[in-house]
N, C-alpha and C. Protein backbone atom coordinates (compact mmCIF):
# COMPACT_ATOMS: atom_id res chain seq x y z
N MET A 1 140.85 60.94 -60.09
CA MET A 1 141.60 60.17 -59.43
C MET A 1 140.47 59.46 -58.52
N GLY A 2 139.64 59.83 -57.24
CA GLY A 2 138.88 59.11 -56.72
C GLY A 2 137.74 58.52 -57.00
N MET A 3 137.58 59.06 -58.68
CA MET A 3 136.54 58.39 -59.23
C MET A 3 136.60 57.07 -59.65
N ASN A 4 138.06 56.84 -59.95
CA ASN A 4 138.97 55.51 -60.46
C ASN A 4 138.80 54.34 -59.32
N SER A 5 139.04 55.19 -58.33
CA SER A 5 139.37 54.14 -56.76
C SER A 5 137.79 53.82 -56.72
N ARG A 6 137.23 54.53 -56.77
CA ARG A 6 135.68 54.03 -56.72
C ARG A 6 135.50 52.64 -57.46
N LYS A 7 135.69 53.02 -58.88
CA LYS A 7 135.31 51.94 -59.75
C LYS A 7 135.90 50.73 -59.40
N LEU A 8 137.68 51.02 -59.11
CA LEU A 8 138.31 49.58 -59.15
C LEU A 8 137.33 49.01 -57.65
N ARG A 9 137.39 49.49 -57.03
CA ARG A 9 137.02 49.25 -55.88
C ARG A 9 135.41 48.53 -55.81
N SER A 10 134.75 49.14 -56.65
CA SER A 10 133.22 48.04 -56.72
C SER A 10 133.45 47.21 -58.00
N LEU A 11 134.31 47.29 -58.38
CA LEU A 11 134.46 46.08 -59.59
C LEU A 11 135.22 44.86 -58.78
N SER A 12 136.06 44.97 -58.16
CA SER A 12 136.87 44.06 -57.16
C SER A 12 135.75 43.79 -56.33
N ILE A 13 134.93 44.39 -55.45
CA ILE A 13 133.91 43.58 -55.21
C ILE A 13 133.09 42.75 -55.53
N TRP A 14 132.26 43.08 -56.66
CA TRP A 14 131.69 42.42 -57.95
C TRP A 14 132.51 41.20 -58.10
N ILE A 15 134.00 40.81 -58.81
CA ILE A 15 134.41 40.04 -58.78
C ILE A 15 134.59 38.69 -57.86
N GLY A 16 134.50 39.56 -56.55
CA GLY A 16 134.80 38.94 -55.57
C GLY A 16 133.38 37.87 -54.90
N VAL A 17 132.47 38.76 -55.47
CA VAL A 17 131.18 37.92 -55.08
C VAL A 17 130.87 37.23 -56.62
N ALA A 18 130.95 37.23 -57.77
CA ALA A 18 131.13 36.66 -58.90
C ALA A 18 131.99 35.02 -58.46
N LEU A 19 133.11 35.25 -57.60
CA LEU A 19 134.16 34.30 -57.71
C LEU A 19 133.10 33.33 -56.28
N ALA A 20 132.84 34.08 -55.28
CA ALA A 20 131.88 33.13 -54.45
C ALA A 20 131.27 32.27 -54.56
N VAL A 21 130.01 33.04 -55.51
CA VAL A 21 128.86 32.31 -56.08
C VAL A 21 129.33 31.41 -56.72
N THR A 22 130.57 31.41 -58.03
CA THR A 22 131.32 30.35 -58.95
C THR A 22 131.55 29.28 -57.66
N ILE A 23 132.17 29.45 -56.78
CA ILE A 23 132.85 28.34 -56.09
C ILE A 23 131.64 27.94 -55.21
N LEU A 24 130.97 28.49 -54.57
CA LEU A 24 129.47 27.81 -54.06
C LEU A 24 128.64 26.88 -55.43
N ALA A 25 128.85 27.08 -55.87
CA ALA A 25 127.81 26.62 -57.30
C ALA A 25 128.72 25.23 -57.91
N LEU A 26 129.85 25.17 -57.49
CA LEU A 26 130.56 23.93 -57.88
C LEU A 26 130.38 22.85 -56.71
N TYR A 27 130.47 23.73 -54.94
CA TYR A 27 130.54 22.93 -54.50
C TYR A 27 129.26 22.42 -54.45
N ALA A 28 127.97 23.03 -54.85
CA ALA A 28 127.03 22.11 -54.38
C ALA A 28 126.85 21.34 -55.73
N ALA A 29 127.18 21.40 -56.84
CA ALA A 29 127.03 20.25 -57.94
C ALA A 29 127.75 19.02 -57.09
N ILE A 30 128.93 19.05 -56.49
CA ILE A 30 129.80 18.20 -55.64
C ILE A 30 128.91 17.40 -54.88
N VAL A 31 128.25 18.70 -54.10
CA VAL A 31 127.19 17.73 -52.95
C VAL A 31 126.27 16.87 -53.70
N ARG A 32 125.61 17.41 -54.66
CA ARG A 32 124.65 16.91 -55.17
C ARG A 32 124.91 15.36 -55.98
N SER A 33 126.25 15.55 -56.34
CA SER A 33 126.76 13.99 -57.28
C SER A 33 127.39 13.13 -56.30
N THR A 34 127.60 13.84 -55.01
CA THR A 34 127.93 12.94 -53.87
C THR A 34 126.88 12.07 -53.25
N MET A 35 125.59 12.61 -53.09
CA MET A 35 124.18 12.18 -52.52
C MET A 35 123.77 11.42 -53.55
N ASN A 36 124.73 11.18 -54.43
CA ASN A 36 124.00 9.86 -55.61
C ASN A 36 125.11 8.39 -55.26
N GLU A 37 125.90 8.75 -54.27
CA GLU A 37 126.74 7.26 -53.79
C GLU A 37 126.37 6.43 -53.01
N ASN A 38 126.65 5.63 -53.31
CA ASN A 38 126.16 4.06 -52.59
C ASN A 38 127.00 4.59 -50.68
N PRO A 39 126.32 4.17 -49.73
CA PRO A 39 126.73 4.33 -48.54
C PRO A 39 128.49 3.47 -48.39
N VAL A 40 128.76 2.26 -48.95
CA VAL A 40 130.07 1.77 -49.28
C VAL A 40 130.96 2.74 -49.49
N SER A 41 130.65 3.75 -50.79
CA SER A 41 131.78 4.28 -51.67
C SER A 41 131.94 5.62 -50.91
N LEU A 42 130.94 6.29 -50.24
CA LEU A 42 131.20 7.34 -49.18
C LEU A 42 131.67 6.61 -48.04
N LEU A 43 131.77 5.57 -47.75
CA LEU A 43 132.81 5.62 -46.27
C LEU A 43 134.23 5.33 -47.17
N ALA A 44 134.73 4.85 -47.87
CA ALA A 44 135.61 4.60 -48.82
C ALA A 44 136.10 6.38 -48.90
N CYS A 45 135.58 7.25 -49.35
CA CYS A 45 135.49 8.48 -49.42
C CYS A 45 136.13 9.06 -48.17
N MET A 46 135.76 8.65 -47.40
CA MET A 46 135.47 9.33 -45.32
C MET A 46 137.64 9.14 -45.71
N GLU A 47 138.13 8.29 -46.31
CA GLU A 47 139.27 7.38 -45.97
C GLU A 47 140.14 7.78 -46.47
N THR A 48 139.88 8.13 -47.96
CA THR A 48 140.51 7.92 -49.20
C THR A 48 141.06 9.62 -49.83
N GLU A 49 139.96 9.93 -49.81
CA GLU A 49 139.62 11.67 -50.66
C GLU A 49 140.62 12.37 -49.37
N VAL A 50 140.64 13.76 -50.50
CA VAL A 50 141.36 15.02 -49.84
C VAL A 50 140.25 15.33 -48.84
N SER A 51 140.67 16.25 -47.66
CA SER A 51 140.26 16.57 -46.82
C SER A 51 138.82 17.21 -47.00
N TRP A 52 138.52 18.23 -47.65
CA TRP A 52 137.13 18.71 -48.09
C TRP A 52 136.50 17.58 -48.65
N ARG A 53 136.49 16.48 -49.72
CA ARG A 53 136.10 15.81 -50.30
C ARG A 53 135.80 14.53 -48.90
N ALA A 54 136.73 14.24 -48.27
CA ALA A 54 136.13 13.31 -47.41
C ALA A 54 135.10 14.00 -46.20
N TRP A 55 135.45 15.60 -46.08
CA TRP A 55 134.27 15.72 -45.22
C TRP A 55 132.61 15.95 -46.15
N THR A 56 132.98 15.71 -46.99
CA THR A 56 131.52 16.26 -47.62
C THR A 56 131.12 14.82 -47.61
N CYS A 57 131.55 13.64 -48.13
CA CYS A 57 130.93 12.34 -48.04
C CYS A 57 130.81 11.96 -46.74
N GLU A 58 131.36 12.66 -45.49
CA GLU A 58 130.92 12.17 -44.22
C GLU A 58 129.92 12.87 -43.98
N LYS A 59 129.66 14.28 -44.02
CA LYS A 59 128.26 14.75 -44.30
C LYS A 59 127.04 14.36 -44.89
N VAL A 60 127.49 13.91 -45.93
CA VAL A 60 126.42 13.15 -46.72
C VAL A 60 125.76 12.05 -46.39
N LEU A 61 126.62 11.09 -45.93
CA LEU A 61 126.29 10.18 -45.16
C LEU A 61 125.54 10.44 -43.96
N ARG A 62 126.17 10.71 -43.10
CA ARG A 62 125.66 11.42 -42.06
C ARG A 62 124.09 11.86 -41.59
N HIS A 63 123.64 13.05 -43.00
CA HIS A 63 122.78 13.22 -43.33
C HIS A 63 121.41 12.73 -43.89
N ALA A 64 121.80 12.28 -45.05
CA ALA A 64 121.09 11.51 -45.99
C ALA A 64 120.45 10.21 -45.20
N SER A 65 119.41 10.08 -45.52
CA SER A 65 118.70 8.52 -44.83
C SER A 65 119.11 7.64 -45.88
N LEU A 66 119.61 6.38 -45.47
CA LEU A 66 119.76 4.90 -46.31
C LEU A 66 118.25 4.63 -47.02
N THR A 67 118.24 4.50 -48.63
CA THR A 67 116.90 3.97 -48.76
C THR A 67 116.67 2.24 -48.18
N ASP A 68 115.44 2.04 -48.59
CA ASP A 68 114.90 0.51 -48.38
C ASP A 68 115.94 -0.30 -48.83
N ASP A 69 116.07 0.05 -50.53
CA ASP A 69 117.11 -0.74 -51.46
C ASP A 69 118.56 -0.50 -50.57
N GLN A 70 119.30 0.37 -50.48
CA GLN A 70 120.13 0.23 -49.65
C GLN A 70 120.82 -0.24 -48.47
N VAL A 71 119.75 -0.78 -47.88
CA VAL A 71 120.06 -1.19 -46.36
C VAL A 71 119.48 -2.54 -46.79
N ARG A 72 118.67 -3.30 -47.30
CA ARG A 72 118.82 -4.29 -48.26
C ARG A 72 119.87 -5.24 -48.93
N GLN A 73 120.46 -4.09 -49.76
CA GLN A 73 121.56 -4.29 -49.94
C GLN A 73 122.64 -4.82 -49.08
N LEU A 74 123.11 -3.67 -48.50
CA LEU A 74 124.21 -4.16 -47.21
C LEU A 74 123.52 -4.80 -46.47
N ASN A 75 122.27 -5.36 -46.29
CA ASN A 75 122.23 -6.76 -45.59
C ASN A 75 122.52 -7.80 -46.36
N GLN A 76 122.15 -7.99 -47.15
CA GLN A 76 122.76 -9.13 -48.28
C GLN A 76 124.56 -9.34 -48.23
N GLU A 77 125.35 -8.08 -47.55
CA GLU A 77 126.88 -8.18 -47.79
C GLU A 77 127.12 -7.99 -46.54
N ALA A 78 126.33 -8.43 -45.51
CA ALA A 78 126.79 -8.51 -43.88
C ALA A 78 127.46 -7.08 -43.55
N GLY A 79 126.60 -5.99 -44.51
CA GLY A 79 126.76 -4.47 -44.12
C GLY A 79 127.74 -3.94 -42.87
N LEU A 80 127.80 -4.56 -41.76
CA LEU A 80 128.32 -3.63 -40.75
C LEU A 80 129.51 -3.94 -40.97
N ARG A 81 130.51 -4.52 -41.80
CA ARG A 81 131.27 -5.22 -42.12
C ARG A 81 132.33 -3.62 -42.89
N PHE A 82 131.25 -2.91 -43.49
CA PHE A 82 131.83 -2.37 -44.47
C PHE A 82 132.68 -0.89 -43.20
N PRO A 83 131.84 -0.83 -42.04
CA PRO A 83 132.60 0.43 -41.44
C PRO A 83 133.54 -0.23 -40.62
N LEU A 84 133.69 -1.18 -40.34
CA LEU A 84 134.88 -2.01 -39.47
C LEU A 84 136.06 -2.05 -40.31
N SER A 85 135.78 -1.33 -41.65
CA SER A 85 137.33 -1.65 -42.26
C SER A 85 137.77 -0.41 -42.36
N MET A 86 137.25 0.49 -41.86
CA MET A 86 137.93 1.91 -41.64
C MET A 86 138.81 1.91 -40.83
N GLU A 87 139.81 2.56 -41.01
CA GLU A 87 141.18 2.97 -40.21
C GLU A 87 140.80 3.80 -39.54
N ASN A 88 140.51 4.84 -39.27
CA ASN A 88 140.15 5.80 -37.92
C ASN A 88 139.13 5.16 -37.32
N PRO A 89 139.95 5.10 -36.06
CA PRO A 89 138.56 4.94 -34.61
C PRO A 89 137.20 5.14 -34.56
N ARG A 90 137.55 6.60 -34.82
CA ARG A 90 136.36 7.46 -34.37
C ARG A 90 135.37 7.37 -34.95
N HIS A 91 135.81 7.14 -36.67
CA HIS A 91 134.67 6.71 -37.71
C HIS A 91 134.40 5.03 -37.68
N VAL A 92 134.91 3.98 -37.04
CA VAL A 92 134.25 2.96 -37.06
C VAL A 92 133.13 3.20 -36.21
N GLU A 93 133.37 3.76 -35.18
CA GLU A 93 132.37 3.49 -33.48
C GLU A 93 131.25 4.37 -34.60
N GLU A 94 131.56 5.55 -34.79
CA GLU A 94 130.56 6.66 -35.19
C GLU A 94 129.68 5.99 -36.60
N MET A 95 130.20 5.44 -37.99
CA MET A 95 129.49 4.87 -39.30
C MET A 95 128.98 3.65 -38.62
N PHE A 96 129.22 2.90 -37.58
CA PHE A 96 128.80 1.56 -36.88
C PHE A 96 127.54 2.08 -36.61
N GLU A 97 127.36 2.94 -35.89
CA GLU A 97 126.33 3.25 -34.63
C GLU A 97 125.06 3.46 -36.12
N LEU A 98 125.76 4.71 -36.89
CA LEU A 98 124.79 5.09 -37.88
C LEU A 98 124.42 3.99 -38.56
N PHE A 99 124.87 3.39 -38.97
CA PHE A 99 123.97 1.72 -39.89
C PHE A 99 123.11 0.95 -38.94
N ILE A 100 123.62 1.25 -37.77
CA ILE A 100 122.13 0.01 -37.41
C ILE A 100 121.36 1.22 -36.77
N ASP A 101 121.10 2.37 -36.85
CA ASP A 101 120.31 3.24 -36.56
C ASP A 101 119.51 3.24 -37.86
N ARG A 102 120.05 3.37 -39.10
CA ARG A 102 119.47 3.44 -40.24
C ARG A 102 119.06 2.20 -40.36
N GLY A 103 118.98 1.09 -39.63
CA GLY A 103 118.38 -0.15 -40.42
C GLY A 103 118.99 -1.32 -40.50
N VAL A 104 120.72 -1.16 -40.74
CA VAL A 104 121.34 -2.27 -40.68
C VAL A 104 121.35 -3.61 -39.90
N ASP A 105 121.14 -4.90 -40.39
CA ASP A 105 121.47 -5.80 -39.23
C ASP A 105 122.69 -6.00 -39.05
N ILE A 106 123.20 -5.94 -37.63
CA ILE A 106 124.20 -6.41 -37.02
C ILE A 106 124.72 -7.92 -37.48
N ASN A 107 123.71 -8.49 -37.67
CA ASN A 107 123.90 -10.02 -37.96
C ASN A 107 123.59 -10.85 -38.97
N ALA A 108 123.47 -9.91 -39.90
CA ALA A 108 123.27 -10.05 -41.55
C ALA A 108 124.12 -10.93 -42.08
N ARG A 109 124.00 -12.01 -43.20
CA ARG A 109 124.75 -12.43 -43.90
C ARG A 109 125.47 -11.83 -44.85
N ASP A 110 126.79 -12.09 -45.51
CA ASP A 110 126.97 -11.71 -46.52
C ASP A 110 126.47 -13.10 -47.59
N GLN A 111 125.88 -12.92 -48.33
CA GLN A 111 125.49 -14.27 -49.15
C GLN A 111 126.68 -14.67 -50.13
N GLU A 112 127.49 -13.96 -50.82
CA GLU A 112 129.09 -14.40 -51.23
C GLU A 112 129.81 -14.99 -50.52
N THR A 113 130.04 -15.04 -49.15
CA THR A 113 130.87 -15.86 -48.23
C THR A 113 130.12 -16.57 -47.29
N LYS A 114 129.67 -17.54 -47.68
CA LYS A 114 129.59 -18.78 -47.15
C LYS A 114 128.63 -18.48 -45.58
N GLY A 115 127.62 -17.38 -45.90
CA GLY A 115 126.66 -16.77 -44.98
C GLY A 115 127.46 -16.43 -43.92
N TRP A 116 128.63 -15.78 -43.62
CA TRP A 116 129.28 -15.32 -42.99
C TRP A 116 128.71 -13.91 -42.27
N THR A 117 128.43 -13.28 -41.08
CA THR A 117 128.28 -12.20 -40.22
C THR A 117 129.51 -11.32 -40.43
N ALA A 118 129.23 -10.40 -39.86
CA ALA A 118 130.95 -8.95 -39.94
C ALA A 118 131.32 -9.63 -39.14
N LEU A 119 130.87 -10.57 -37.40
CA LEU A 119 131.44 -11.22 -36.67
C LEU A 119 132.57 -11.93 -36.84
N HIS A 120 131.53 -13.20 -38.17
CA HIS A 120 132.53 -14.02 -38.37
C HIS A 120 133.77 -13.96 -39.29
N GLY A 121 133.99 -12.38 -40.36
CA GLY A 121 134.91 -12.17 -40.66
C GLY A 121 135.64 -11.15 -39.94
N THR A 122 135.44 -10.73 -39.09
CA THR A 122 136.29 -10.07 -38.16
C THR A 122 136.87 -11.17 -37.24
N SER A 123 136.44 -11.74 -36.51
CA SER A 123 137.15 -13.04 -35.97
C SER A 123 138.30 -13.29 -36.57
N MET A 124 138.74 -13.11 -38.20
CA MET A 124 140.12 -13.82 -38.18
C MET A 124 140.97 -13.50 -38.71
N GLY A 125 141.53 -12.35 -37.66
CA GLY A 125 142.80 -11.52 -37.49
C GLY A 125 142.50 -10.58 -37.49
N ASP A 126 141.27 -9.57 -37.57
CA ASP A 126 141.15 -7.65 -37.53
C ASP A 126 141.43 -7.92 -36.07
N PRO A 127 141.87 -6.76 -35.84
CA PRO A 127 142.20 -6.18 -34.24
C PRO A 127 140.78 -6.62 -33.32
N ALA A 128 141.20 -7.07 -32.03
CA ALA A 128 139.91 -7.00 -31.03
C ALA A 128 138.77 -6.22 -30.96
N GLU A 129 139.49 -4.88 -30.91
CA GLU A 129 138.65 -3.59 -30.42
C GLU A 129 137.27 -3.87 -31.29
N LYS A 130 137.60 -4.51 -33.03
CA LYS A 130 136.78 -4.25 -33.56
C LYS A 130 135.63 -5.22 -33.61
N VAL A 131 135.95 -6.35 -33.12
CA VAL A 131 135.17 -7.79 -32.30
C VAL A 131 134.47 -7.25 -31.49
N ALA A 132 134.92 -6.74 -30.39
CA ALA A 132 134.51 -5.89 -29.26
C ALA A 132 133.63 -4.90 -29.71
N ILE A 133 133.61 -4.16 -30.78
CA ILE A 133 132.75 -3.02 -30.69
C ILE A 133 131.09 -4.08 -31.17
N LEU A 134 130.96 -4.96 -32.40
CA LEU A 134 130.60 -6.20 -32.68
C LEU A 134 129.61 -6.56 -31.22
N LEU A 135 130.30 -7.13 -30.42
CA LEU A 135 129.73 -8.10 -29.39
C LEU A 135 128.98 -6.80 -28.77
N ARG A 136 129.48 -5.73 -28.11
CA ARG A 136 128.63 -4.42 -27.55
C ARG A 136 127.58 -4.17 -28.07
N HIS A 137 127.47 -4.67 -29.71
CA HIS A 137 126.32 -4.04 -30.41
C HIS A 137 125.30 -5.16 -30.29
N GLY A 138 125.73 -6.60 -30.05
CA GLY A 138 124.59 -7.35 -29.89
C GLY A 138 124.82 -8.42 -30.79
N ALA A 139 126.23 -8.36 -31.49
CA ALA A 139 126.39 -9.72 -32.35
C ALA A 139 126.11 -10.68 -32.23
N ARG A 140 125.65 -11.69 -32.34
CA ARG A 140 125.37 -13.08 -31.99
C ARG A 140 126.69 -14.00 -32.22
N ILE A 141 127.17 -14.65 -31.15
CA ILE A 141 128.42 -15.44 -31.28
C ILE A 141 127.84 -16.76 -31.78
N ASP A 142 126.66 -17.25 -31.70
CA ASP A 142 126.17 -18.96 -32.04
C ASP A 142 125.61 -18.65 -33.46
N LEU A 143 125.90 -17.96 -34.30
CA LEU A 143 125.30 -17.87 -35.42
C LEU A 143 126.46 -18.89 -36.49
N ARG A 144 126.23 -19.98 -37.13
CA ARG A 144 127.10 -20.43 -37.68
C ARG A 144 127.00 -20.31 -39.53
N ASP A 145 127.99 -20.28 -40.31
CA ASP A 145 128.38 -20.10 -41.79
C ASP A 145 127.46 -21.11 -42.03
N SER A 146 127.74 -21.63 -43.08
CA SER A 146 127.29 -22.21 -44.68
C SER A 146 128.01 -23.97 -43.81
N ASP A 147 129.06 -23.57 -43.63
CA ASP A 147 129.96 -25.19 -43.42
C ASP A 147 129.78 -25.17 -41.60
N GLY A 148 128.64 -24.47 -41.03
CA GLY A 148 128.70 -25.04 -39.86
C GLY A 148 129.48 -24.46 -37.99
N ARG A 149 130.45 -23.18 -38.80
CA ARG A 149 131.38 -22.42 -38.31
C ARG A 149 130.69 -21.12 -37.35
N THR A 150 131.01 -21.28 -36.36
CA THR A 150 130.94 -20.02 -35.25
C THR A 150 131.84 -19.17 -35.68
N PRO A 151 132.04 -17.52 -35.36
CA PRO A 151 132.65 -17.07 -35.26
C PRO A 151 134.11 -17.43 -34.30
N LEU A 152 133.81 -18.14 -33.29
CA LEU A 152 135.04 -18.48 -32.27
C LEU A 152 135.56 -19.57 -32.96
N ASP A 153 134.82 -20.70 -34.28
CA ASP A 153 135.62 -21.72 -34.55
C ASP A 153 136.88 -21.06 -35.35
N LEU A 154 136.19 -19.93 -36.20
CA LEU A 154 137.23 -19.38 -37.43
C LEU A 154 138.47 -18.66 -37.13
N ALA A 155 137.61 -18.21 -35.25
CA ALA A 155 139.25 -17.56 -34.78
C ALA A 155 140.27 -18.68 -34.41
N ARG A 156 139.95 -20.12 -34.16
CA ARG A 156 140.49 -20.82 -33.78
C ARG A 156 140.91 -21.37 -34.55
N LEU A 157 140.57 -21.54 -35.61
CA LEU A 157 141.09 -22.05 -37.50
C LEU A 157 142.15 -20.94 -37.56
N ALA A 158 142.25 -19.90 -37.40
CA ALA A 158 142.84 -18.58 -37.40
C ALA A 158 143.82 -18.62 -36.70
N ARG A 159 143.98 -18.51 -35.80
CA ARG A 159 145.07 -19.04 -34.92
C ARG A 159 146.28 -20.30 -35.16
N GLN A 160 145.36 -20.87 -35.49
CA GLN A 160 146.57 -22.40 -36.05
C GLN A 160 146.96 -22.05 -37.28
N LYS A 161 146.27 -21.38 -38.21
CA LYS A 161 147.04 -20.99 -39.54
C LYS A 161 147.75 -19.76 -39.45
N TYR A 162 147.68 -19.00 -38.24
CA TYR A 162 148.79 -17.60 -38.12
C TYR A 162 149.03 -17.41 -36.91
N PRO A 163 149.62 -18.18 -36.21
CA PRO A 163 150.09 -17.97 -35.33
C PRO A 163 150.93 -16.64 -34.05
N THR A 164 151.41 -16.12 -35.19
CA THR A 164 152.29 -14.91 -34.83
C THR A 164 151.17 -13.84 -35.02
N ASN A 165 149.66 -14.10 -35.23
CA ASN A 165 148.99 -12.80 -35.45
C ASN A 165 148.60 -12.25 -34.35
N PRO A 166 149.02 -10.75 -33.85
CA PRO A 166 148.78 -10.64 -32.10
C PRO A 166 147.32 -10.23 -32.01
N HIS A 167 146.16 -10.48 -32.62
CA HIS A 167 144.64 -10.04 -32.77
C HIS A 167 144.20 -11.03 -32.12
N ILE A 168 145.01 -12.17 -32.51
CA ILE A 168 144.08 -13.38 -32.45
C ILE A 168 143.32 -13.99 -31.38
N ALA A 169 144.64 -13.99 -30.38
CA ALA A 169 144.71 -14.56 -29.00
C ALA A 169 143.27 -13.54 -28.61
N GLU A 170 143.19 -12.19 -28.38
CA GLU A 170 142.08 -11.44 -27.55
C GLU A 170 141.02 -11.33 -28.29
N THR A 171 141.04 -11.87 -29.61
CA THR A 171 139.67 -12.44 -30.12
C THR A 171 139.06 -13.33 -29.56
N ILE A 172 140.11 -14.14 -29.63
CA ILE A 172 139.03 -15.90 -29.02
C ILE A 172 138.80 -15.56 -27.26
N ARG A 173 139.87 -14.85 -26.74
CA ARG A 173 139.85 -14.64 -25.21
C ARG A 173 138.13 -13.78 -25.60
N LEU A 174 137.94 -12.54 -26.63
CA LEU A 174 136.41 -11.56 -26.15
C LEU A 174 135.56 -12.95 -26.55
N LEU A 175 135.99 -13.78 -27.70
CA LEU A 175 134.71 -14.44 -28.04
C LEU A 175 134.01 -15.41 -26.83
N GLU A 176 135.32 -16.08 -26.33
CA GLU A 176 134.87 -17.07 -25.10
C GLU A 176 134.25 -16.82 -24.11
N GLU A 177 134.74 -15.30 -23.76
CA GLU A 177 133.78 -15.39 -22.70
C GLU A 177 132.92 -14.12 -23.01
N ALA A 178 132.31 -13.84 -24.41
CA ALA A 178 131.15 -13.86 -24.47
C ALA A 178 130.33 -14.91 -24.55
N GLN A 179 130.67 -16.04 -24.91
CA GLN A 179 129.71 -17.38 -25.25
C GLN A 179 129.70 -17.75 -23.44
N GLY A 180 130.43 -17.70 -23.03
CA GLY A 180 130.02 -17.82 -21.73
C GLY A 180 129.15 -17.20 -20.71
N LYS A 181 128.92 -15.90 -21.27
CA LYS A 181 127.48 -15.03 -20.85
C LYS A 181 126.72 -15.39 -21.64
N SER A 182 126.93 -16.17 -23.05
CA SER A 182 125.11 -16.07 -23.31
C SER A 182 123.91 -17.20 -23.14
N PRO A 183 122.92 -17.31 -23.06
CA PRO A 183 122.43 -18.47 -22.33
C PRO A 183 122.30 -19.87 -23.30
N SER A 184 122.42 -20.91 -22.58
CA SER A 184 122.48 -21.70 -23.68
C SER A 184 121.59 -22.65 -23.71
C-alpha cells in the first residue's frame, strides 16, 4: 500500500510540473505575439481585455522599446492623442510620459485631420484634465491647423456648437491662461 501511495504522489507531482510548464509555454507564446502588436493596439488592449491580458499588454508596452518606424507612424497621427483616449487616469499619465520618453512628439500633427495636434483634438470637448496634461508637458498653444485655427479657436467653436458641454469652459480657461503665459 505504501508503494502505491508513493507512486501516486510522484505521478501527481509530475502532472503538476507538466501542467505548470505547459501554462508557462502558452503564456510565453502569448507574450511573444503581444510583442508584435503596435503601440496603439497595446493601449487599447490595456483598457478592453481581461485583466491578465491587459496586464500583459501594459508590461510589453512598458518594457519593449518603440521602433523608429513606430515613432514615425505615431508622429504622423499626432500620436500623443492615443494615450489621452484611455479611460484610466493613471494609465493616461503614465503612457503619455512613456510615449514622450520614447520619442513621440507632443506637437506632432495628424496628417489626416487638417494638421491637428493632440491639443487641437483634445480642446474640442475632452475633459479639461487631458488638456492640462498636454499643457504641463509643453504642448504648444500657438500651432495652427491647415484652416489657421489654434486649439483655443477650436475650443471656442466647440462652445458655440455644444454650449452644455461641461468640459469646454474649463478647457478655454486653461488655454487662455496658457496663452497669457506664452511669449508673444
